[in-house]
Amino acid sequence: MPYAPPYIDYMQGHSLSHGGAYRKPSPRKLLDKYREYEEALSMSQTPKTVTDLEEKFNKEIEKRDYIITGMEERIKKLEVEMATLGNIKELVAVVEKVKEEKARAEA
């Protein structure tokens, strides 16, 4: 791993930046992260191969890409709906104006 997340440093006994004042992990989060990076932290187990780690990270990247793609599609749909609502709002304003003019003309 070229960059060790702060949790890994902390679990290896390194001090956190700023004395941990801003990024001290909760015990639950530490446990979750330990489970995630156990093979990198454990000395009793042989670490997974680089290929295994690459596969794990690639699967995570694919999962996130899928989520991002879905969000992008949803944003596009919402943008279209917002534009439609903007058009409806303009039409309602025109109808109200016509009603006012008609009421004045009849008075």
N, C-alpha and C. Protein backbone atom coordinates (compact mmCIF):
# COMPACT_ATOMS: atom_id res chain seq x y z
N MET A 1 0.85 -1.18 0.00
CA MET A 1 0.00 0.00 0.00
C MET A 1 0.89 1.24 0.00
N PRO A 2 0.83 2.05 -1.04
CA PRO A 2 1.67 3.25 -1.07
C PRO A 2 1.22 4.28 -0.02
N TYR A 3 -0.05 4.34 0.27
CA TYR A 3 -0.56 5.30 1.24
C TYR A 3 -1.33 4.54 2.30
N ALA A 4 -0.93 4.68 3.54
CA ALA A 4 -1.62 4.00 4.62
C ALA A 4 -2.67 4.94 5.20
N PRO A 5 -3.94 4.52 5.21
CA PRO A 5 -4.97 5.36 5.82
C PRO A 5 -4.64 5.62 7.28
N PRO A 6 -5.12 6.73 7.84
CA PRO A 6 -4.81 7.06 9.24
C PRO A 6 -5.15 5.93 10.21
N TYR A 7 -6.20 5.16 9.92
CA TYR A 7 -6.58 4.07 10.82
C TYR A 7 -5.46 3.04 10.91
N ILE A 8 -4.84 2.75 9.79
CA ILE A 8 -3.76 1.75 9.77
C ILE A 8 -2.60 2.25 10.62
N ASP A 9 -2.21 3.50 10.42
CA ASP A 9 -1.13 4.07 11.21
C ASP A 9 -1.46 3.98 12.70
N TYR A 10 -2.67 4.32 13.05
CA TYR A 10 -3.11 4.31 14.45
C TYR A 10 -3.03 2.89 15.02
N MET A 11 -3.48 1.89 14.25
CA MET A 11 -3.47 0.51 14.72
C MET A 11 -2.06 -0.05 14.80
N GLN A 12 -1.13 0.55 14.08
CA GLN A 12 0.27 0.12 14.15
C GLN A 12 1.01 0.82 15.28
N GLY A 13 0.30 1.67 16.02
CA GLY A 13 0.91 2.34 17.16
C GLY A 13 1.48 3.70 16.84
N HIS A 14 1.31 4.17 15.62
CA HIS A 14 1.80 5.51 15.26
C HIS A 14 0.85 6.56 15.83
N SER A 15 1.40 7.72 16.11
CA SER A 15 0.53 8.78 16.62
C SER A 15 -0.19 9.45 15.47
N LEU A 16 -1.38 9.93 15.75
CA LEU A 16 -2.17 10.62 14.74
C LEU A 16 -1.74 12.07 14.66
N SER A 17 -1.94 12.69 13.51
CA SER A 17 -1.59 14.09 13.36
C SER A 17 -2.45 14.93 14.31
N HIS A 18 -1.88 16.01 14.81
CA HIS A 18 -2.54 16.90 15.75
C HIS A 18 -2.94 16.16 17.03
N GLY A 19 -2.20 15.13 17.36
CA GLY A 19 -2.48 14.37 18.58
C GLY A 19 -3.81 13.64 18.55
N GLY A 20 -4.37 13.46 17.36
CA GLY A 20 -5.65 12.76 17.23
C GLY A 20 -6.84 13.63 17.59
N ALA A 21 -6.61 14.92 17.75
CA ALA A 21 -7.70 15.82 18.16
C ALA A 21 -8.82 15.89 17.13
N TYR A 22 -8.48 15.72 15.88
CA TYR A 22 -9.49 15.87 14.83
C TYR A 22 -9.92 14.55 14.20
N ARG A 23 -9.09 13.54 14.29
CA ARG A 23 -9.39 12.31 13.55
C ARG A 23 -9.31 11.05 14.40
N LYS A 24 -9.50 11.15 15.68
CA LYS A 24 -9.41 9.95 16.52
C LYS A 24 -10.61 9.06 16.23
N PRO A 25 -10.36 7.85 15.77
CA PRO A 25 -11.46 6.97 15.39
C PRO A 25 -12.19 6.38 16.59
N SER A 26 -13.47 6.12 16.41
CA SER A 26 -14.26 5.48 17.46
C SER A 26 -13.88 4.00 17.53
N PRO A 27 -14.07 3.35 18.68
CA PRO A 27 -13.74 1.92 18.78
C PRO A 27 -14.47 1.07 17.74
N ARG A 28 -15.73 1.38 17.46
CA ARG A 28 -16.49 0.62 16.46
C ARG A 28 -15.86 0.76 15.08
N LYS A 29 -15.50 2.01 14.73
CA LYS A 29 -14.89 2.27 13.44
C LYS A 29 -13.54 1.57 13.34
N LEU A 30 -12.79 1.59 14.45
CA LEU A 30 -11.50 0.90 14.47
C LEU A 30 -11.67 -0.59 14.20
N LEU A 31 -12.66 -1.19 14.85
CA LEU A 31 -12.90 -2.62 14.65
C LEU A 31 -13.26 -2.91 13.20
N ASP A 32 -14.15 -2.09 12.64
CA ASP A 32 -14.53 -2.28 11.24
C ASP A 32 -13.33 -2.15 10.32
N LYS A 33 -12.52 -1.13 10.54
CA LYS A 33 -11.34 -0.92 9.70
C LYS A 33 -10.32 -2.03 9.92
N TYR A 34 -10.19 -2.51 11.16
CA TYR A 34 -9.26 -3.60 11.41
C TYR A 34 -9.67 -4.83 10.60
N ARG A 35 -10.97 -5.12 10.64
CA ARG A 35 -11.45 -6.27 9.87
C ARG A 35 -11.16 -6.09 8.38
N GLU A 36 -11.31 -4.85 7.91
CA GLU A 36 -11.09 -4.57 6.49
C GLU A 36 -9.62 -4.74 6.09
N TYR A 37 -8.72 -4.31 6.98
CA TYR A 37 -7.29 -4.32 6.66
C TYR A 37 -6.51 -5.36 7.48
N GLU A 38 -7.21 -6.35 8.01
CA GLU A 38 -6.58 -7.32 8.90
C GLU A 38 -5.36 -7.99 8.26
N GLU A 39 -5.47 -8.35 7.00
CA GLU A 39 -4.35 -9.04 6.38
C GLU A 39 -3.11 -8.16 6.28
N ALA A 40 -3.30 -6.86 6.20
CA ALA A 40 -2.15 -5.95 6.13
C ALA A 40 -1.56 -5.70 7.52
N LEU A 41 -2.38 -5.82 8.56
CA LEU A 41 -1.94 -5.53 9.92
C LEU A 41 -1.41 -6.75 10.66
N SER A 42 -1.93 -7.90 10.33
CA SER A 42 -1.60 -9.11 11.07
C SER A 42 -0.23 -9.63 10.69
N MET A 43 0.53 -10.01 11.71
CA MET A 43 1.85 -10.59 11.44
C MET A 43 1.77 -12.11 11.44
N SER A 44 0.68 -12.67 11.97
CA SER A 44 0.58 -14.11 12.06
C SER A 44 0.03 -14.72 10.77
N GLN A 45 -0.55 -13.90 9.94
CA GLN A 45 -1.08 -14.41 8.68
C GLN A 45 -0.22 -13.89 7.54
N THR A 46 -0.13 -14.70 6.51
CA THR A 46 0.59 -14.21 5.34
C THR A 46 -0.30 -13.22 4.62
N PRO A 47 0.24 -12.11 4.22
CA PRO A 47 -0.58 -11.11 3.54
C PRO A 47 -1.07 -11.63 2.19
N LYS A 48 -2.19 -11.12 1.78
CA LYS A 48 -2.71 -11.51 0.47
C LYS A 48 -1.76 -10.99 -0.60
N THR A 49 -1.84 -11.58 -1.73
CA THR A 49 -0.99 -11.13 -2.83
C THR A 49 -1.51 -9.80 -3.36
N VAL A 50 -0.66 -9.13 -4.06
CA VAL A 50 -1.04 -7.85 -4.65
C VAL A 50 -2.23 -8.05 -5.59
N THR A 51 -2.25 -9.15 -6.30
CA THR A 51 -3.34 -9.43 -7.22
C THR A 51 -4.66 -9.55 -6.47
N ASP A 52 -4.64 -10.25 -5.33
CA ASP A 52 -5.87 -10.38 -4.53
C ASP A 52 -6.36 -9.02 -4.06
N LEU A 53 -5.43 -8.19 -3.61
CA LEU A 53 -5.80 -6.85 -3.15
C LEU A 53 -6.33 -6.01 -4.31
N GLU A 54 -5.68 -6.12 -5.47
CA GLU A 54 -6.14 -5.37 -6.64
C GLU A 54 -7.56 -5.79 -7.01
N GLU A 55 -7.83 -7.10 -6.96
CA GLU A 55 -9.17 -7.58 -7.28
C GLU A 55 -10.20 -7.02 -6.30
N LYS A 56 -9.85 -7.03 -5.02
CA LYS A 56 -10.75 -6.50 -4.00
C LYS A 56 -11.04 -5.02 -4.26
N PHE A 57 -9.98 -4.25 -4.51
CA PHE A 57 -10.17 -2.83 -4.75
C PHE A 57 -10.89 -2.56 -6.06
N ASN A 58 -10.61 -3.36 -7.08
CA ASN A 58 -11.30 -3.19 -8.36
C ASN A 58 -12.80 -3.46 -8.22
N LYS A 59 -13.15 -4.48 -7.43
CA LYS A 59 -14.57 -4.75 -7.19
C LYS A 59 -15.22 -3.59 -6.47
N GLU A 60 -14.51 -3.01 -5.51
CA GLU A 60 -15.04 -1.86 -4.78
C GLU A 60 -15.20 -0.66 -5.72
N ILE A 61 -14.24 -0.46 -6.59
CA ILE A 61 -14.31 0.64 -7.56
C ILE A 61 -15.49 0.43 -8.50
N GLU A 62 -15.67 -0.81 -8.99
CA GLU A 62 -16.79 -1.11 -9.87
C GLU A 62 -18.12 -0.84 -9.17
N LYS A 63 -18.21 -1.24 -7.91
CA LYS A 63 -19.43 -1.01 -7.14
C LYS A 63 -19.71 0.49 -7.02
N ARG A 64 -18.69 1.25 -6.71
CA ARG A 64 -18.86 2.70 -6.57
C ARG A 64 -19.18 3.35 -7.92
N ASP A 65 -18.54 2.88 -8.99
CA ASP A 65 -18.85 3.41 -10.32
C ASP A 65 -20.31 3.15 -10.68
N TYR A 66 -20.81 1.96 -10.33
CA TYR A 66 -22.22 1.62 -10.58
C TYR A 66 -23.14 2.57 -9.82
N ILE A 67 -22.80 2.83 -8.56
CA ILE A 67 -23.61 3.74 -7.74
C ILE A 67 -23.56 5.15 -8.33
N ILE A 68 -22.38 5.59 -8.72
CA ILE A 68 -22.22 6.94 -9.28
C ILE A 68 -23.01 7.07 -10.57
N THR A 69 -22.95 6.06 -11.43
CA THR A 69 -23.69 6.09 -12.69
C THR A 69 -25.19 6.22 -12.42
N GLY A 70 -25.69 5.45 -11.46
CA GLY A 70 -27.10 5.54 -11.09
C GLY A 70 -27.46 6.92 -10.58
N MET A 71 -26.58 7.51 -9.79
CA MET A 71 -26.84 8.85 -9.27
C MET A 71 -26.82 9.89 -10.39
N GLU A 72 -25.89 9.73 -11.33
CA GLU A 72 -25.83 10.66 -12.46
C GLU A 72 -27.12 10.60 -13.27
N GLU A 73 -27.63 9.38 -13.50
CA GLU A 73 -28.89 9.23 -14.25
C GLU A 73 -30.04 9.88 -13.48
N ARG A 74 -30.06 9.68 -12.18
CA ARG A 74 -31.13 10.26 -11.36
C ARG A 74 -31.05 11.79 -11.38
N ILE A 75 -29.84 12.33 -11.33
CA ILE A 75 -29.67 13.78 -11.38
C ILE A 75 -30.19 14.32 -12.71
N LYS A 76 -29.88 13.63 -13.81
CA LYS A 76 -30.36 14.07 -15.13
C LYS A 76 -31.88 14.09 -15.17
N LYS A 77 -32.51 13.05 -14.63
CA LYS A 77 -33.97 13.00 -14.60
C LYS A 77 -34.54 14.15 -13.77
N LEU A 78 -33.91 14.40 -12.63
CA LEU A 78 -34.38 15.48 -11.76
C LEU A 78 -34.20 16.85 -12.42
N GLU A 79 -33.12 17.00 -13.18
CA GLU A 79 -32.91 18.26 -13.89
C GLU A 79 -34.00 18.48 -14.93
N VAL A 80 -34.38 17.41 -15.64
CA VAL A 80 -35.47 17.52 -16.62
C VAL A 80 -36.77 17.87 -15.91
N GLU A 81 -37.04 17.21 -14.79
CA GLU A 81 -38.26 17.49 -14.04
C GLU A 81 -38.27 18.93 -13.53
N MET A 82 -37.13 19.42 -13.07
CA MET A 82 -37.05 20.80 -12.59
C MET A 82 -37.30 21.78 -13.74
N ALA A 83 -36.77 21.49 -14.91
CA ALA A 83 -37.01 22.36 -16.06
C ALA A 83 -38.49 22.35 -16.42
N THR A 84 -39.12 21.18 -16.37
CA THR A 84 -40.55 21.08 -16.65
C THR A 84 -41.36 21.86 -15.63
N LEU A 85 -41.00 21.74 -14.38
CA LEU A 85 -41.70 22.50 -13.33
C LEU A 85 -41.51 24.00 -13.53
N GLY A 86 -40.32 24.39 -13.98
CA GLY A 86 -40.09 25.81 -14.28
C GLY A 86 -41.00 26.29 -15.39
N ASN A 87 -41.18 25.47 -16.43
CA ASN A 87 -42.08 25.82 -17.53
C ASN A 87 -43.52 25.92 -17.05
N ILE A 88 -43.92 24.97 -16.20
CA ILE A 88 -45.29 25.00 -15.66
C ILE A 88 -45.49 26.26 -14.84
N LYS A 89 -44.50 26.62 -14.05
CA LYS A 89 -44.59 27.83 -13.23
C LYS A 89 -44.78 29.07 -14.12
N GLU A 90 -44.03 29.12 -15.20
CA GLU A 90 -44.17 30.25 -16.13
C GLU A 90 -45.56 30.27 -16.75
N LEU A 91 -46.09 29.10 -17.15
CA LEU A 91 -47.43 29.03 -17.73
C LEU A 91 -48.50 29.46 -16.74
N VAL A 92 -48.35 29.05 -15.47
CA VAL A 92 -49.30 29.46 -14.44
C VAL A 92 -49.28 30.98 -14.29
N ALA A 93 -48.10 31.57 -14.34
CA ALA A 93 -47.98 33.03 -14.23
C ALA A 93 -48.68 33.71 -15.41
N VAL A 94 -48.54 33.15 -16.61
CA VAL A 94 -49.20 33.71 -17.79
C VAL A 94 -50.71 33.59 -17.65
N VAL A 95 -51.19 32.43 -17.20
CA VAL A 95 -52.64 32.22 -17.02
C VAL A 95 -53.18 33.22 -16.00
N GLU A 96 -52.47 33.40 -14.90
CA GLU A 96 -52.91 34.34 -13.87
C GLU A 96 -52.97 35.76 -14.43
N LYS A 97 -51.98 36.11 -15.24
CA LYS A 97 -51.96 37.44 -15.84
C LYS A 97 -53.14 37.63 -16.78
N VAL A 98 -53.44 36.60 -17.59
CA VAL A 98 -54.58 36.66 -18.52
C VAL A 98 -55.87 36.79 -17.73
N LYS A 99 -56.01 36.05 -16.63
CA LYS A 99 -57.21 36.14 -15.79
C LYS A 99 -57.39 37.55 -15.24
N GLU A 100 -56.30 38.13 -14.77
CA GLU A 100 -56.34 39.50 -14.22
C GLU A 100 -56.77 40.49 -15.31
N GLU A 101 -56.19 40.33 -16.50
CA GLU A 101 -56.53 41.25 -17.59
C GLU A 101 -57.99 41.08 -18.00
N LYS A 102 -58.47 39.84 -18.02
CA LYS A 102 -59.86 39.56 -18.37
C LYS A 102 -60.79 40.16 -17.32
N ALA A 103 -60.42 40.04 -16.03
CA ALA A 103 -61.23 40.60 -14.94
C ALA A 103 -61.28 42.11 -15.05
N ARG A 104 -60.18 42.75 -15.38
CA ARG A 104 -60.15 44.21 -15.53
C ARG A 104 -61.00 44.64 -16.73
N ALA A 105 -60.93 43.86 -17.79
CA ALA A 105 -61.69 44.22 -19.01
C ALA A 105 -63.19 44.09 -18.76
N GLU A 106 -63.59 43.13 -17.94
CA GLU A 106 -65.01 42.92 -17.67
C GLU A 106 -65.53 43.93 -16.66
N ALA A 107 -64.66 44.52 -15.89
CA ALA A 107 -65.10 45.47 -14.86
C ALA A 107 -65.41 46.84 -15.40
